[in-house]
């Protein structure tokens, strides 16, 4: 401890003989062009989400799905990362029962109760 005190006093004495020490110029972050936006600061998964939302895609199915007629020509689209998925159909608007059935990749399939068409499409995870 005594050695540190002696060293500090020696450094101070040398600095006082040499004159005032130059003060380093502080550079503010905003002087380079303002506060960076969320998009400029984003990294990793957040950056992918921001980019996807900017291009109009919905990587995590957070937005309301598009409405389809449910006919053979315009079936309800069901995204899946596998080649099959279980689907629940509420056949009538005020119905309390859900009709569950397996939907397989390929041609559009009908609900066994109401006849509404569903089609399974491949979906890639964003990560």
N, C-alpha and C. Protein backbone atom coordinates (compact mmCIF):
# COMPACT_ATOMS: atom_id res chain seq x y z
N UNK A 1 0.83 -1.18 0.00
CA UNK A 1 0.00 0.00 0.00
C UNK A 1 0.87 1.24 0.00
N UNK A 2 1.94 1.22 0.76
CA UNK A 2 2.85 2.37 0.82
C UNK A 2 3.49 2.60 -0.54
N UNK A 3 3.79 1.52 -1.26
CA UNK A 3 4.41 1.65 -2.57
C UNK A 3 3.46 2.35 -3.54
N UNK A 4 2.16 2.02 -3.45
CA UNK A 4 1.19 2.69 -4.32
C UNK A 4 1.11 4.18 -4.03
N UNK A 5 1.13 4.55 -2.75
CA UNK A 5 1.06 5.96 -2.39
C UNK A 5 2.29 6.72 -2.89
N UNK A 6 3.46 6.11 -2.76
CA UNK A 6 4.68 6.74 -3.27
C UNK A 6 4.63 6.89 -4.78
N UNK A 7 4.15 5.88 -5.47
CA UNK A 7 4.05 5.92 -6.93
C UNK A 7 3.08 7.00 -7.37
N UNK A 8 1.92 7.09 -6.68
CA UNK A 8 0.93 8.11 -7.02
C UNK A 8 1.49 9.51 -6.83
N UNK A 9 2.20 9.74 -5.73
CA UNK A 9 2.74 11.08 -5.47
C UNK A 9 3.83 11.41 -6.49
N UNK A 10 4.61 10.43 -6.93
CA UNK A 10 5.64 10.67 -7.93
C UNK A 10 5.00 11.03 -9.27
N UNK A 11 3.92 10.35 -9.63
CA UNK A 11 3.24 10.63 -10.90
C UNK A 11 2.61 12.01 -10.85
N UNK A 12 2.01 12.38 -9.73
CA UNK A 12 1.42 13.72 -9.60
C UNK A 12 2.47 14.81 -9.69
N UNK A 13 3.62 14.58 -9.06
CA UNK A 13 4.68 15.59 -9.09
C UNK A 13 5.21 15.78 -10.51
N UNK A 14 5.35 14.68 -11.25
CA UNK A 14 5.83 14.77 -12.63
C UNK A 14 4.79 15.47 -13.50
N UNK A 15 3.52 15.21 -13.25
CA UNK A 15 2.47 15.83 -14.04
C UNK A 15 2.37 17.32 -13.76
N UNK A 16 2.62 17.75 -12.51
CA UNK A 16 2.52 19.18 -12.19
C UNK A 16 3.68 19.95 -12.80
N UNK A 17 4.85 19.33 -12.94
CA UNK A 17 5.99 20.00 -13.57
C UNK A 17 5.78 20.13 -15.08
N UNK A 18 5.08 19.16 -15.69
CA UNK A 18 4.89 19.18 -17.14
C UNK A 18 3.75 20.10 -17.54
N UNK A 19 2.97 20.58 -16.63
CA UNK A 19 1.84 21.44 -16.95
C UNK A 19 0.55 20.65 -16.86
N UNK A 20 -0.54 21.30 -17.15
CA UNK A 20 -1.82 20.60 -17.04
C UNK A 20 -1.93 19.50 -18.10
N UNK A 21 -2.49 18.40 -17.69
CA UNK A 21 -2.66 17.26 -18.60
C UNK A 21 -3.76 17.58 -19.59
N UNK A 22 -3.58 17.19 -20.84
CA UNK A 22 -4.63 17.47 -21.83
C UNK A 22 -5.88 16.64 -21.52
N UNK A 23 -7.02 17.28 -21.63
CA UNK A 23 -8.29 16.62 -21.36
C UNK A 23 -8.77 15.98 -22.66
N UNK A 24 -9.05 14.68 -22.64
CA UNK A 24 -9.52 14.05 -23.89
C UNK A 24 -10.89 14.61 -24.28
N UNK A 25 -11.06 14.83 -25.58
CA UNK A 25 -12.33 15.37 -26.07
C UNK A 25 -13.40 14.28 -26.00
N UNK A 26 -14.51 14.63 -25.42
CA UNK A 26 -15.61 13.68 -25.32
C UNK A 26 -16.49 13.81 -26.56
N UNK A 27 -16.79 12.70 -27.16
CA UNK A 27 -17.63 12.69 -28.35
C UNK A 27 -18.99 12.16 -27.95
N UNK A 28 -19.99 12.94 -28.21
CA UNK A 28 -21.34 12.51 -27.88
C UNK A 28 -21.87 11.60 -28.97
N UNK A 29 -22.66 10.62 -28.58
CA UNK A 29 -23.23 9.67 -29.54
C UNK A 29 -24.17 10.33 -30.53
N UNK A 30 -24.86 11.38 -30.11
CA UNK A 30 -25.84 12.02 -30.98
C UNK A 30 -25.17 12.90 -32.02
N UNK A 31 -23.91 13.30 -31.82
CA UNK A 31 -23.27 14.21 -32.76
C UNK A 31 -22.98 13.53 -34.09
N UNK A 32 -22.99 12.22 -34.13
CA UNK A 32 -22.68 11.50 -35.35
C UNK A 32 -23.90 11.32 -36.25
N UNK A 33 -25.02 11.87 -35.91
CA UNK A 33 -26.19 11.74 -36.77
C UNK A 33 -27.48 11.51 -36.02
N UNK A 34 -27.51 11.74 -34.75
CA UNK A 34 -28.74 11.59 -33.98
C UNK A 34 -28.83 10.27 -33.26
N UNK A 35 -29.95 10.08 -32.63
CA UNK A 35 -30.18 8.86 -31.87
C UNK A 35 -30.50 7.74 -32.85
N UNK A 36 -29.83 6.60 -32.74
CA UNK A 36 -30.12 5.51 -33.67
C UNK A 36 -31.52 4.95 -33.46
N UNK A 37 -32.13 4.52 -34.55
CA UNK A 37 -33.48 3.97 -34.48
C UNK A 37 -33.43 2.53 -33.97
N UNK A 38 -34.61 1.98 -33.68
CA UNK A 38 -34.68 0.59 -33.23
C UNK A 38 -34.14 -0.35 -34.31
N UNK A 39 -34.45 -0.03 -35.56
CA UNK A 39 -33.98 -0.88 -36.66
C UNK A 39 -32.46 -0.87 -36.77
N UNK A 40 -31.83 0.27 -36.54
CA UNK A 40 -30.37 0.35 -36.60
C UNK A 40 -29.70 -0.37 -35.43
N UNK A 41 -30.36 -0.44 -34.30
CA UNK A 41 -29.78 -1.07 -33.12
C UNK A 41 -30.10 -2.56 -33.01
N UNK A 42 -31.12 -3.02 -33.73
CA UNK A 42 -31.59 -4.40 -33.59
C UNK A 42 -30.54 -5.40 -34.07
N UNK A 43 -30.48 -6.53 -33.39
CA UNK A 43 -29.60 -7.62 -33.78
C UNK A 43 -30.34 -8.94 -33.64
N UNK A 44 -29.84 -9.96 -34.28
CA UNK A 44 -30.37 -11.30 -34.11
C UNK A 44 -31.82 -11.44 -34.51
N UNK A 45 -32.60 -12.11 -33.65
CA UNK A 45 -34.00 -12.42 -33.94
C UNK A 45 -34.83 -11.15 -34.07
N UNK A 46 -34.54 -10.15 -33.24
CA UNK A 46 -35.30 -8.90 -33.32
C UNK A 46 -35.13 -8.25 -34.68
N UNK A 47 -33.93 -8.30 -35.24
CA UNK A 47 -33.67 -7.72 -36.56
C UNK A 47 -34.45 -8.46 -37.64
N UNK A 48 -34.52 -9.79 -37.53
CA UNK A 48 -35.28 -10.58 -38.50
C UNK A 48 -36.77 -10.25 -38.43
N UNK A 49 -37.29 -10.06 -37.21
CA UNK A 49 -38.71 -9.74 -37.05
C UNK A 49 -39.01 -8.38 -37.64
N UNK A 50 -38.17 -7.39 -37.35
CA UNK A 50 -38.39 -6.04 -37.88
C UNK A 50 -38.35 -6.06 -39.40
N UNK A 51 -37.39 -6.78 -39.97
CA UNK A 51 -37.28 -6.86 -41.43
C UNK A 51 -38.50 -7.55 -42.03
N UNK A 52 -38.96 -8.63 -41.41
CA UNK A 52 -40.13 -9.35 -41.92
C UNK A 52 -41.38 -8.49 -41.86
N UNK A 53 -41.57 -7.77 -40.76
CA UNK A 53 -42.75 -6.91 -40.64
C UNK A 53 -42.69 -5.76 -41.65
N UNK A 54 -41.48 -5.29 -41.96
CA UNK A 54 -41.31 -4.20 -42.92
C UNK A 54 -41.66 -4.67 -44.33
N UNK A 55 -41.34 -5.92 -44.65
CA UNK A 55 -41.65 -6.46 -45.98
C UNK A 55 -43.08 -6.96 -46.09
N UNK A 56 -43.79 -7.01 -44.99
CA UNK A 56 -45.19 -7.39 -45.03
C UNK A 56 -45.47 -8.84 -44.66
N UNK A 57 -44.43 -9.61 -44.40
CA UNK A 57 -44.68 -11.00 -43.99
C UNK A 57 -44.91 -11.06 -42.49
N UNK A 58 -45.44 -12.17 -42.03
CA UNK A 58 -45.80 -12.35 -40.63
C UNK A 58 -45.08 -13.59 -40.10
N UNK A 59 -43.83 -13.45 -39.61
CA UNK A 59 -43.03 -14.63 -39.29
C UNK A 59 -43.55 -15.48 -38.15
N UNK A 60 -44.28 -14.92 -37.22
CA UNK A 60 -44.75 -15.68 -36.06
C UNK A 60 -46.27 -15.76 -36.00
N UNK A 61 -46.94 -15.50 -37.11
CA UNK A 61 -48.40 -15.54 -37.20
C UNK A 61 -49.04 -14.68 -36.11
N UNK A 62 -48.53 -13.46 -35.96
CA UNK A 62 -49.04 -12.55 -34.95
C UNK A 62 -50.24 -11.76 -35.47
N UNK A 63 -50.33 -11.60 -36.77
CA UNK A 63 -51.41 -10.82 -37.35
C UNK A 63 -52.62 -11.71 -37.62
N UNK A 64 -53.77 -11.09 -37.82
CA UNK A 64 -54.99 -11.84 -38.12
C UNK A 64 -54.82 -12.51 -39.48
N UNK A 65 -55.19 -13.78 -39.58
CA UNK A 65 -55.03 -14.48 -40.86
C UNK A 65 -55.97 -13.93 -41.93
N UNK A 66 -55.54 -14.08 -43.18
CA UNK A 66 -56.34 -13.62 -44.31
C UNK A 66 -57.60 -14.47 -44.41
N UNK A 67 -58.68 -13.86 -44.82
CA UNK A 67 -59.95 -14.58 -44.97
C UNK A 67 -59.99 -15.30 -46.32
N UNK A 68 -60.44 -16.52 -46.32
CA UNK A 68 -60.61 -17.30 -47.54
C UNK A 68 -62.06 -17.77 -47.61
N UNK A 69 -62.51 -18.09 -48.82
CA UNK A 69 -63.89 -18.50 -49.01
C UNK A 69 -64.14 -19.91 -48.48
N UNK A 70 -63.12 -20.77 -48.50
CA UNK A 70 -63.29 -22.12 -48.03
C UNK A 70 -63.82 -23.06 -49.11
N UNK A 71 -63.80 -22.60 -50.36
CA UNK A 71 -64.24 -23.44 -51.47
C UNK A 71 -63.06 -24.25 -51.99
N UNK A 72 -63.33 -25.13 -52.95
CA UNK A 72 -62.26 -25.95 -53.51
C UNK A 72 -61.24 -25.07 -54.25
N UNK A 73 -61.70 -24.00 -54.89
CA UNK A 73 -60.81 -23.10 -55.62
C UNK A 73 -60.07 -22.14 -54.68
N UNK A 74 -60.67 -21.78 -53.56
CA UNK A 74 -60.08 -20.84 -52.60
C UNK A 74 -60.16 -21.43 -51.18
N UNK A 75 -59.35 -22.48 -50.89
CA UNK A 75 -59.45 -23.12 -49.58
C UNK A 75 -58.81 -22.29 -48.48
N UNK A 76 -59.17 -22.60 -47.24
CA UNK A 76 -58.52 -21.98 -46.09
C UNK A 76 -57.08 -22.50 -46.04
N UNK A 77 -56.11 -21.60 -45.92
CA UNK A 77 -54.69 -21.98 -45.92
C UNK A 77 -54.26 -22.26 -44.47
N UNK A 78 -53.64 -23.43 -44.27
CA UNK A 78 -53.16 -23.82 -42.94
C UNK A 78 -51.65 -24.06 -43.04
N UNK A 79 -50.82 -23.17 -42.44
CA UNK A 79 -49.37 -23.38 -42.51
C UNK A 79 -48.93 -24.46 -41.51
N UNK A 80 -47.90 -25.22 -41.90
CA UNK A 80 -47.39 -26.27 -41.03
C UNK A 80 -45.93 -26.54 -41.34
N UNK A 81 -45.16 -26.89 -40.29
CA UNK A 81 -43.76 -27.23 -40.51
C UNK A 81 -43.59 -28.72 -40.76
N UNK A 82 -44.67 -29.50 -40.66
CA UNK A 82 -44.64 -30.93 -40.95
C UNK A 82 -45.60 -31.21 -42.10
N UNK A 83 -45.75 -32.48 -42.46
CA UNK A 83 -46.62 -32.82 -43.58
C UNK A 83 -48.07 -33.11 -43.17
N UNK A 84 -48.40 -32.93 -41.89
CA UNK A 84 -49.78 -33.07 -41.43
C UNK A 84 -50.01 -32.19 -40.21
N UNK A 85 -51.27 -31.85 -40.00
CA UNK A 85 -51.62 -30.99 -38.87
C UNK A 85 -53.08 -31.23 -38.51
N UNK A 86 -53.38 -31.13 -37.23
CA UNK A 86 -54.77 -31.29 -36.80
C UNK A 86 -55.44 -29.91 -36.88
N UNK A 87 -56.67 -29.91 -37.41
CA UNK A 87 -57.39 -28.66 -37.66
C UNK A 87 -58.73 -28.74 -36.95
N UNK A 88 -59.15 -27.63 -36.37
CA UNK A 88 -60.46 -27.54 -35.75
C UNK A 88 -61.35 -26.62 -36.54
N UNK A 89 -62.53 -27.08 -36.92
CA UNK A 89 -63.47 -26.28 -37.71
C UNK A 89 -64.72 -26.01 -36.88
N UNK A 90 -65.07 -24.75 -36.76
CA UNK A 90 -66.34 -24.37 -36.14
C UNK A 90 -67.29 -24.16 -37.32
N UNK A 91 -68.10 -25.14 -37.58
CA UNK A 91 -68.87 -25.19 -38.83
C UNK A 91 -69.90 -24.06 -38.96
N UNK A 92 -70.52 -23.67 -37.88
CA UNK A 92 -71.48 -22.56 -37.91
C UNK A 92 -71.01 -21.49 -36.96
N UNK A 93 -71.40 -20.26 -37.23
CA UNK A 93 -70.90 -19.13 -36.46
C UNK A 93 -71.21 -19.23 -34.97
N UNK A 94 -72.40 -19.66 -34.60
CA UNK A 94 -72.79 -19.73 -33.20
C UNK A 94 -72.67 -21.15 -32.62
N UNK A 95 -71.98 -22.03 -33.32
CA UNK A 95 -71.83 -23.41 -32.88
C UNK A 95 -70.83 -23.47 -31.71
N UNK A 96 -71.10 -24.30 -30.73
CA UNK A 96 -70.19 -24.44 -29.60
C UNK A 96 -69.29 -25.66 -29.72
N UNK A 97 -69.58 -26.54 -30.67
CA UNK A 97 -68.77 -27.75 -30.86
C UNK A 97 -67.73 -27.51 -31.95
N UNK A 98 -66.54 -28.03 -31.73
CA UNK A 98 -65.46 -27.93 -32.71
C UNK A 98 -65.28 -29.30 -33.34
N UNK A 99 -65.24 -29.34 -34.67
CA UNK A 99 -65.00 -30.59 -35.38
C UNK A 99 -63.51 -30.66 -35.69
N UNK A 100 -62.83 -31.66 -35.11
CA UNK A 100 -61.38 -31.81 -35.29
C UNK A 100 -61.11 -32.88 -36.33
N UNK A 101 -60.13 -32.63 -37.21
CA UNK A 101 -59.73 -33.63 -38.19
C UNK A 101 -58.28 -33.39 -38.61
N UNK A 102 -57.64 -34.45 -39.12
CA UNK A 102 -56.26 -34.35 -39.58
C UNK A 102 -56.23 -33.82 -41.00
N UNK A 103 -55.34 -32.87 -41.23
CA UNK A 103 -55.15 -32.30 -42.56
C UNK A 103 -53.77 -32.71 -43.05
N UNK A 104 -53.70 -33.33 -44.23
CA UNK A 104 -52.44 -33.81 -44.79
C UNK A 104 -52.03 -32.95 -45.97
N UNK A 105 -50.73 -32.88 -46.21
CA UNK A 105 -50.20 -32.07 -47.30
C UNK A 105 -50.64 -32.65 -48.64
N UNK A 106 -50.88 -31.79 -49.59
CA UNK A 106 -51.32 -32.22 -50.93
C UNK A 106 -52.54 -31.41 -51.34
N UNK A 107 -53.54 -32.10 -51.86
CA UNK A 107 -54.77 -31.45 -52.32
C UNK A 107 -55.57 -30.90 -51.13
N UNK A 108 -56.46 -29.96 -51.43
CA UNK A 108 -57.34 -29.42 -50.40
C UNK A 108 -58.28 -30.51 -49.90
N UNK A 109 -58.56 -30.50 -48.59
CA UNK A 109 -59.44 -31.50 -47.99
C UNK A 109 -60.66 -30.81 -47.39
N UNK A 110 -61.73 -31.56 -47.29
CA UNK A 110 -63.00 -31.02 -46.78
C UNK A 110 -63.18 -31.33 -45.31
N UNK A 111 -63.87 -30.42 -44.63
CA UNK A 111 -64.30 -30.69 -43.26
C UNK A 111 -65.38 -31.77 -43.33
N UNK A 112 -65.31 -32.80 -42.49
CA UNK A 112 -66.31 -33.88 -42.57
C UNK A 112 -67.72 -33.44 -42.20
N UNK A 113 -67.87 -32.31 -41.53
CA UNK A 113 -69.19 -31.88 -41.10
C UNK A 113 -69.83 -30.86 -42.05
N UNK A 114 -69.11 -29.78 -42.36
CA UNK A 114 -69.72 -28.70 -43.14
C UNK A 114 -69.26 -28.65 -44.59
N UNK A 115 -68.15 -29.30 -44.92
CA UNK A 115 -67.69 -29.32 -46.31
C UNK A 115 -66.76 -28.18 -46.68
N UNK A 116 -66.35 -27.38 -45.73
CA UNK A 116 -65.42 -26.29 -46.00
C UNK A 116 -64.05 -26.89 -46.34
N UNK A 117 -63.35 -26.30 -47.31
CA UNK A 117 -62.08 -26.84 -47.77
C UNK A 117 -60.90 -26.19 -47.05
N UNK A 118 -59.89 -27.02 -46.76
CA UNK A 118 -58.66 -26.58 -46.11
C UNK A 118 -57.47 -27.14 -46.88
N UNK A 119 -56.39 -26.37 -46.96
CA UNK A 119 -55.19 -26.84 -47.65
C UNK A 119 -53.98 -26.58 -46.76
N UNK A 120 -53.13 -27.59 -46.62
CA UNK A 120 -51.90 -27.50 -45.83
C UNK A 120 -50.78 -26.99 -46.72
N UNK A 121 -50.08 -25.94 -46.28
CA UNK A 121 -48.95 -25.40 -47.02
C UNK A 121 -47.72 -25.44 -46.11
N UNK A 122 -46.54 -25.69 -46.69
CA UNK A 122 -45.32 -25.70 -45.87
C UNK A 122 -45.01 -24.32 -45.33
N UNK A 123 -44.51 -24.28 -44.11
CA UNK A 123 -44.18 -23.03 -43.45
C UNK A 123 -42.79 -23.17 -42.84
N UNK A 124 -41.89 -22.22 -43.14
CA UNK A 124 -40.54 -22.26 -42.59
C UNK A 124 -40.48 -21.37 -41.37
N UNK A 125 -39.86 -21.86 -40.33
CA UNK A 125 -39.67 -21.04 -39.12
C UNK A 125 -38.61 -19.99 -39.41
N UNK A 126 -38.77 -18.78 -38.87
CA UNK A 126 -37.81 -17.71 -39.17
C UNK A 126 -36.47 -17.85 -38.46
N UNK A 127 -36.30 -18.78 -37.57
CA UNK A 127 -35.02 -18.88 -36.86
C UNK A 127 -34.31 -20.15 -37.20
